[in-house]
C-alpha atoms as a PDB file:
ATOM      1  CA  MET A   1      -9.416  -1.155  15.972  1.00  0.00           C
ATOM      2  CA  LYS A   2     -12.887   0.316  16.002  1.00  0.00           C
ATOM      3  CA  LYS A   3     -16.036  -1.659  15.377  1.00  0.00           C
ATOM      4  CA  LEU A   4     -16.490  -2.164  11.631  1.00  0.00           C
ATOM      5  CA  ASN A   5     -19.289   0.215  10.661  1.00  0.00           C
ATOM      6  CA  PHE A   6     -19.838   2.323   7.545  1.00  0.00           C
ATOM      7  CA  GLU A   7     -17.800   5.235   8.893  1.00  0.00           C
ATOM      8  CA  THR A   8     -14.881   2.908   9.670  1.00  0.00           C
ATOM      9  CA  VAL A   9     -15.094   1.423   6.163  1.00  0.00           C
ATOM     10  CA  GLN A  10     -15.033   4.942   4.684  1.00  0.00           C
ATOM     11  CA  LYS A  11     -11.936   5.817   6.716  1.00  0.00           C
ATOM     12  CA  LEU A  12     -10.206   2.555   5.801  1.00  0.00           C
ATOM     13  CA  PHE A  13     -10.938   3.236   2.127  1.00  0.00           C
ATOM     14  CA  LEU A  14      -9.381   6.684   2.440  1.00  0.00           C
ATOM     15  CA  TYR A  15      -6.368   5.136   4.219  1.00  0.00           C
ATOM     16  CA  PHE A  16      -6.124   2.672   1.316  1.00  0.00           C
ATOM     17  CA  LEU A  17      -6.244   5.474  -1.246  1.00  0.00           C
ATOM     18  CA  MET A  18      -3.739   7.680   0.603  1.00  0.00           C
ATOM     19  CA  ALA A  19      -1.285   4.782   0.879  1.00  0.00           C
ATOM     20  CA  ALA A  20      -1.817   3.887  -2.794  1.00  0.00           C
ATOM     21  CA  ILE A  21      -1.027   7.478  -3.811  1.00  0.00           C
ATOM     22  CA  ILE A  22       2.042   7.629  -1.553  1.00  0.00           C
ATOM     23  CA  GLY A  23       3.145   4.279  -3.012  1.00  0.00           C
ATOM     24  CA  TRP A  24       2.768   5.643  -6.539  1.00  0.00           C
ATOM     25  CA  CYS A  25       4.844   8.714  -5.601  1.00  0.00           C
ATOM     26  CA  TYR A  26       7.500   6.444  -4.084  1.00  0.00           C
ATOM     27  CA  GLU A  27       7.628   4.315  -7.248  1.00  0.00           C
ATOM     28  CA  VAL A  28       7.883   7.363  -9.511  1.00  0.00           C
ATOM     29  CA  PHE A  29      10.581   8.839  -7.253  1.00  0.00           C
ATOM     30  CA  LEU A  30      12.618   5.649  -7.533  1.00  0.00           C
ATOM     31  CA  GLU A  31      12.168   5.525 -11.287  1.00  0.00           C
ATOM     32  CA  VAL A  32      12.940   9.176 -12.014  1.00  0.00           C
ATOM     33  CA  VAL A  33      15.398  10.240  -9.299  1.00  0.00           C
ATOM     34  CA  VAL A  34      17.153   7.068  -8.151  1.00  0.00           C
ATOM     35  CA  TYR A  35      17.345   4.959 -11.310  1.00  0.00           C
ATOM     36  CA  HIS A  36      17.089   7.811 -13.885  1.00  0.00           C
ATOM     37  CA  TRP A  37      14.817   5.754 -16.133  1.00  0.00           C
ATOM     38  CA  GLY A  38      12.459   8.654 -16.831  1.00  0.00           C
ATOM     39  CA  PHE A  39       8.817   9.066 -15.924  1.00  0.00           C
ATOM     40  CA  SER A  40       6.127   6.486 -16.538  1.00  0.00           C
ATOM     41  CA  ASN A  41       2.912   5.685 -14.738  1.00  0.00           C
ATOM     42  CA  ARG A  42       4.028   3.080 -12.202  1.00  0.00           C
ATOM     43  CA  GLY A  43       0.498   1.993 -11.362  1.00  0.00           C
ATOM     44  CA  VAL A  44      -1.652  -0.583 -13.098  1.00  0.00           C
ATOM     45  CA  LEU A  45      -4.537   1.891 -13.353  1.00  0.00           C
ATOM     46  CA  PHE A  46      -4.663   5.254 -15.137  1.00  0.00           C
ATOM     47  CA  GLY A  47      -4.655   7.343 -11.955  1.00  0.00           C
ATOM     48  CA  PRO A  48      -1.715   8.204  -9.705  1.00  0.00           C
ATOM     49  CA  TYR A  49      -1.996   5.263  -7.344  1.00  0.00           C
ATOM     50  CA  CYS A  50      -0.566   1.791  -6.845  1.00  0.00           C
ATOM     51  CA  PRO A  51      -3.360  -0.244  -5.252  1.00  0.00           C
ATOM     52  CA  VAL A  52      -0.913  -2.881  -3.996  1.00  0.00           C
ATOM     53  CA  TYR A  53       0.474  -0.278  -1.565  1.00  0.00           C
ATOM     54  CA  GLY A  54      -3.038   0.394  -0.282  1.00  0.00           C
ATOM     55  CA  VAL A  55      -3.642  -3.322   0.181  1.00  0.00           C
ATOM     56  CA  GLY A  56      -0.305  -3.636   1.969  1.00  0.00           C
ATOM     57  CA  MET A  57      -1.103  -0.744   4.278  1.00  0.00           C
ATOM     58  CA  LEU A  58      -4.476  -2.235   5.167  1.00  0.00           C
ATOM     59  CA  ALA A  59      -2.793  -5.578   5.823  1.00  0.00           C
ATOM     60  CA  PHE A  60      -0.218  -3.881   8.075  1.00  0.00           C
ATOM     61  CA  PHE A  61      -2.993  -2.090   9.914  1.00  0.00           C
ATOM     62  CA  LEU A  62      -5.042  -5.271  10.377  1.00  0.00           C
ATOM     63  CA  CYS A  63      -2.068  -7.491  11.279  1.00  0.00           C
ATOM     64  CA  PHE A  64      -0.168  -5.107  13.544  1.00  0.00           C
ATOM     65  CA  GLY A  65      -2.670  -2.458  14.653  1.00  0.00           C
ATOM     66  CA  LYS A  66      -3.349  -4.206  17.965  1.00  0.00           C
ATOM     67  CA  LEU A  67       0.374  -4.641  18.561  1.00  0.00           C
ATOM     68  CA  MET A  68       0.857  -0.910  18.071  1.00  0.00           C
ATOM     69  CA  GLU A  69      -1.814  -0.130  20.682  1.00  0.00           C
ATOM     70  CA  MET A  70      -0.566  -2.613  23.305  1.00  0.00           C
ATOM     71  CA  GLU A  71       1.010  -1.268  26.447  1.00  0.00           C
ATOM     72  CA  LEU A  72       4.354  -2.984  26.794  1.00  0.00           C
ATOM     73  CA  LYS A  73       6.833  -3.022  29.615  1.00  0.00           C
ATOM     74  CA  TRP A  74       9.815  -0.777  29.079  1.00  0.00           C
ATOM     75  CA  SER A  75      12.161  -3.770  28.971  1.00  0.00           C
ATOM     76  CA  VAL A  76      10.493  -5.251  25.855  1.00  0.00           C
ATOM     77  CA  ARG A  77       9.146  -2.092  24.199  1.00  0.00           C
ATOM     78  CA  TRP A  78      12.225  -1.933  21.949  1.00  0.00           C
ATOM     79  CA  LEU A  79      11.206  -5.260  20.390  1.00  0.00           C
ATOM     80  CA  ARG A  80       7.996  -3.847  18.892  1.00  0.00           C
ATOM     81  CA  PRO A  81       9.620  -1.922  15.984  1.00  0.00           C
ATOM     82  CA  ILE A  82      11.751  -4.956  15.154  1.00  0.00           C
ATOM     83  CA  ALA A  83       8.687  -7.244  15.160  1.00  0.00           C
ATOM     84  CA  VAL A  84       6.742  -4.711  13.061  1.00  0.00           C
ATOM     85  CA  PHE A  85       9.653  -4.399  10.595  1.00  0.00           C
ATOM     86  CA  ILE A  86       9.973  -8.176  10.120  1.00  0.00           C
ATOM     87  CA  GLY A  87       6.212  -8.723  10.054  1.00  0.00           C
ATOM     88  CA  CYS A  88       5.577  -5.951   7.527  1.00  0.00           C
ATOM     89  CA  GLY A  89       8.406  -7.215   5.324  1.00  0.00           C
ATOM     90  CA  VAL A  90       6.926 -10.719   5.305  1.00  0.00           C
ATOM     91  CA  VAL A  91       3.327  -9.550   4.784  1.00  0.00           C
ATOM     92  CA  ALA A  92       4.295  -7.160   1.971  1.00  0.00           C
ATOM     93  CA  THR A  93       6.387  -9.837   0.262  1.00  0.00           C
ATOM     94  CA  LEU A  94       3.459 -12.268   0.310  1.00  0.00           C
ATOM     95  CA  ILE A  95       1.118  -9.583  -1.044  1.00  0.00           C
ATOM     96  CA  GLU A  96       3.605  -8.669  -3.765  1.00  0.00           C
ATOM     97  CA  LEU A  97       4.010 -12.327  -4.725  1.00  0.00           C
ATOM     98  CA  ALA A  98       0.234 -12.808  -4.928  1.00  0.00           C
ATOM     99  CA  ALA A  99      -0.140  -9.544  -6.884  1.00  0.00           C
ATOM    100  CA  SER A 100       2.496 -10.640  -9.402  1.00  0.00           C
ATOM    101  CA  TYR A 101       0.583 -13.846 -10.109  1.00  0.00           C
ATOM    102  CA  LEU A 102      -2.736 -11.963 -10.325  1.00  0.00           C
ATOM    103  CA  LEU A 103      -1.293  -9.336 -12.689  1.00  0.00           C
ATOM    104  CA  GLU A 104       0.389 -11.961 -14.836  1.00  0.00           C
ATOM    105  CA  TRP A 105      -2.908 -13.847 -15.095  1.00  0.00           C
ATOM    106  CA  THR A 106      -4.932 -10.718 -15.938  1.00  0.00           C
ATOM    107  CA  THR A 107      -2.455  -8.637 -17.970  1.00  0.00           C
ATOM    108  CA  GLY A 108       0.304 -11.015 -19.017  1.00  0.00           C
ATOM    109  CA  SER A 109       3.037  -9.377 -16.924  1.00  0.00           C
ATOM    110  CA  TRP A 110       3.737  -7.466 -13.728  1.00  0.00           C
ATOM    111  CA  PRO A 111       5.436  -4.049 -13.427  1.00  0.00           C
ATOM    112  CA  TRP A 112       8.368  -5.101 -11.225  1.00  0.00           C
ATOM    113  CA  GLN A 113       9.985  -7.756 -13.410  1.00  0.00           C
ATOM    114  CA  THR A 114      13.276  -5.924 -12.877  1.00  0.00           C
ATOM    115  CA  TYR A 115      13.605  -7.920  -9.649  1.00  0.00           C
ATOM    116  CA  ALA A 116      15.570 -10.433 -11.732  1.00  0.00           C
ATOM    117  CA  ASP A 117      18.464  -7.969 -11.391  1.00  0.00           C
ATOM    118  CA  TYR A 118      18.573  -8.484  -7.612  1.00  0.00           C
ATOM    119  CA  ALA A 119      20.942 -11.137  -6.267  1.00  0.00           C
ATOM    120  CA  ILE A 120      18.301 -12.641  -3.987  1.00  0.00           C
ATOM    121  CA  ASN A 121      14.932 -12.975  -5.750  1.00  0.00           C
ATOM    122  CA  PHE A 122      12.226 -15.517  -6.456  1.00  0.00           C
ATOM    123  CA  GLN A 123      11.156 -15.725 -10.118  1.00  0.00           C
ATOM    124  CA  ALA A 124      11.711 -11.945 -10.403  1.00  0.00           C
ATOM    125  CA  ARG A 125       8.435 -11.616  -8.442  1.00  0.00           C
ATOM    126  CA  VAL A 126       9.836 -10.822  -5.001  1.00  0.00           C
ATOM    127  CA  ALA A 127      13.321  -9.927  -3.823  1.00  0.00           C
ATOM    128  CA  LEU A 128      15.086  -9.347  -0.532  1.00  0.00           C
ATOM    129  CA  SER A 129      15.978  -5.681  -1.125  1.00  0.00           C
ATOM    130  CA  PRO A 130      12.372  -4.522  -1.782  1.00  0.00           C
ATOM    131  CA  SER A 131      11.161  -6.696   1.105  1.00  0.00           C
ATOM    132  CA  VAL A 132      13.524  -4.860   3.446  1.00  0.00           C
ATOM    133  CA  ARG A 133      12.275  -1.520   2.072  1.00  0.00           C
ATOM    134  CA  PHE A 134       8.666  -2.662   2.594  1.00  0.00           C
ATOM    135  CA  GLY A 135       9.512  -3.566   6.194  1.00  0.00           C
ATOM    136  CA  ILE A 136      10.912  -0.061   6.696  1.00  0.00           C
ATOM    137  CA  GLY A 137       7.857   1.379   4.949  1.00  0.00           C
ATOM    138  CA  GLY A 138       5.575  -0.597   7.250  1.00  0.00           C
ATOM    139  CA  VAL A 139       7.328   0.813  10.314  1.00  0.00           C
ATOM    140  CA  LEU A 140       7.058   4.343   8.877  1.00  0.00           C
ATOM    141  CA  PHE A 141       3.394   3.806   8.085  1.00  0.00           C
ATOM    142  CA  LEU A 142       2.415   2.379  11.457  1.00  0.00           C
ATOM    143  CA  TYR A 143       4.431   4.856  13.505  1.00  0.00           C
ATOM    144  CA  LEU A 144       4.063   8.048  11.431  1.00  0.00           C
ATOM    145  CA  LEU A 145       1.437   7.896   8.682  1.00  0.00           C
ATOM    146  CA  ARG A 146      -1.275   5.906  10.453  1.00  0.00           C
ATOM    147  CA  PRO A 147      -1.615   8.511  13.219  1.00  0.00           C
ATOM    148  CA  LEU A 148      -1.589  11.276  10.581  1.00  0.00           C
ATOM    149  CA  PHE A 149      -4.271   9.507   8.498  1.00  0.00           C
ATOM    150  CA  ALA A 150      -6.353   8.963  11.654  1.00  0.00           C
ATOM    151  CA  LYS A 151      -6.040  12.640  12.538  1.00  0.00           C
ATOM    152  CA  LEU A 152      -6.984  13.782   9.010  1.00  0.00           C
ATOM    153  CA  THR A 153     -10.059  11.547   8.816  1.00  0.00           C
ATOM    154  CA  GLY A 154     -10.916  12.281  12.448  1.00  0.00           C
ATOM    155  CA  LEU A 155     -11.102  16.004  11.697  1.00  0.00           C
ATOM    156  CA  MET A 156     -13.754  15.401   9.025  1.00  0.00           C
ATOM    157  CA  SER A 157     -17.383  15.791   9.962  1.00  0.00           C
ATOM    158  CA  LYS A 158     -19.638  12.905   8.991  1.00  0.00           C
ATOM    159  CA  ARG A 159     -20.921  14.906   6.045  1.00  0.00           C
ATOM    160  CA  VAL A 160     -17.421  15.779   4.782  1.00  0.00           C
ATOM    161  CA  LEU A 161     -16.314  12.167   5.256  1.00  0.00           C
ATOM    162  CA  ASN A 162     -19.320  11.015   3.197  1.00  0.00           C
ATOM    163  CA  TRP A 163     -18.519  13.457   0.389  1.00  0.00           C
ATOM    164  CA  VAL A 164     -14.771  12.871   0.308  1.00  0.00           C
ATOM    165  CA  SER A 165     -15.004   9.080   0.474  1.00  0.00           C
ATOM    166  CA  GLY A 166     -17.896   9.026  -2.002  1.00  0.00           C
ATOM    167  CA  ILE A 167     -16.094  11.172  -4.576  1.00  0.00           C
ATOM    168  CA  ALA A 168     -12.837   9.236  -4.064  1.00  0.00           C
ATOM    169  CA  ALA A 169     -14.671   5.918  -4.476  1.00  0.00           C
ATOM    170  CA  ALA A 170     -16.408   7.158  -7.638  1.00  0.00           C
ATOM    171  CA  VAL A 171     -13.133   8.377  -9.180  1.00  0.00           C
ATOM    172  CA  PHE A 172     -11.333   5.161  -8.231  1.00  0.00           C
ATOM    173  CA  GLY A 173     -14.232   3.021  -9.506  1.00  0.00           C
ATOM    174  CA  ILE A 174     -14.399   4.886 -12.825  1.00  0.00           C
ATOM    175  CA  ASP A 175     -10.638   4.502 -13.201  1.00  0.00           C
ATOM    176  CA  LEU A 176     -10.869   0.783 -12.455  1.00  0.00           C
ATOM    177  CA  ILE A 177     -13.649   0.282 -15.019  1.00  0.00           C
ATOM    178  CA  ALA A 178     -11.895   2.460 -17.631  1.00  0.00           C
ATOM    179  CA  THR A 179      -8.653   0.538 -17.175  1.00  0.00           C
ATOM    180  CA  LEU A 180     -10.438  -2.804 -17.498  1.00  0.00           C
ATOM    181  CA  LEU A 181     -12.283  -1.674 -20.632  1.00  0.00           C
ATOM    182  CA  TYR A 182      -9.066  -0.313 -22.123  1.00  0.00           C
ATOM    183  CA  ARG A 183      -7.262  -3.600 -21.488  1.00  0.00           C
ATOM    184  CA  ILE A 184     -10.139  -5.591 -22.988  1.00  0.00           C
ATOM    185  CA  PHE A 185     -10.602  -3.480 -26.119  1.00  0.00           C
ATOM    186  CA  ALA A 186      -7.074  -2.137 -26.737  1.00  0.00           C
END
């Protein structure tokens, strides 16, 4: 991972936002296409993003980024995707558990209470099936999306990066404040 400077922070924020938007799309896809429940905003904010996916992606990047860059001998290289899968599943499950407690404390509930329907779950906060999917998602992110995100942000000049990250941060910040105000005064 690069030295943590302002440009790196901007890129990490954009990675966060891209993963949060992809996570929102994934949630809506599950809700509309797989479960046929109909459309609803699956995020906790007004915009089309699930911040917990962005947090998870950053955690995957920070926990397993070095592992992804390591040169491994051919005889053990096949172990890396398995380690990444298990590690991402565990990390995402811990993040989801913490997020459920945070959301319950701040809003009175959490969006994935349907986990009670899964055979293996803990307090309807985390369940084995989503944890396996998060492990798969972590592998897909680290092997496919991370290089794509790096290429997209790497193609941006410093000026474009400043504008894009600044506008994205302003929109996300306004949404965060608007959501908080709505929850306080609604």
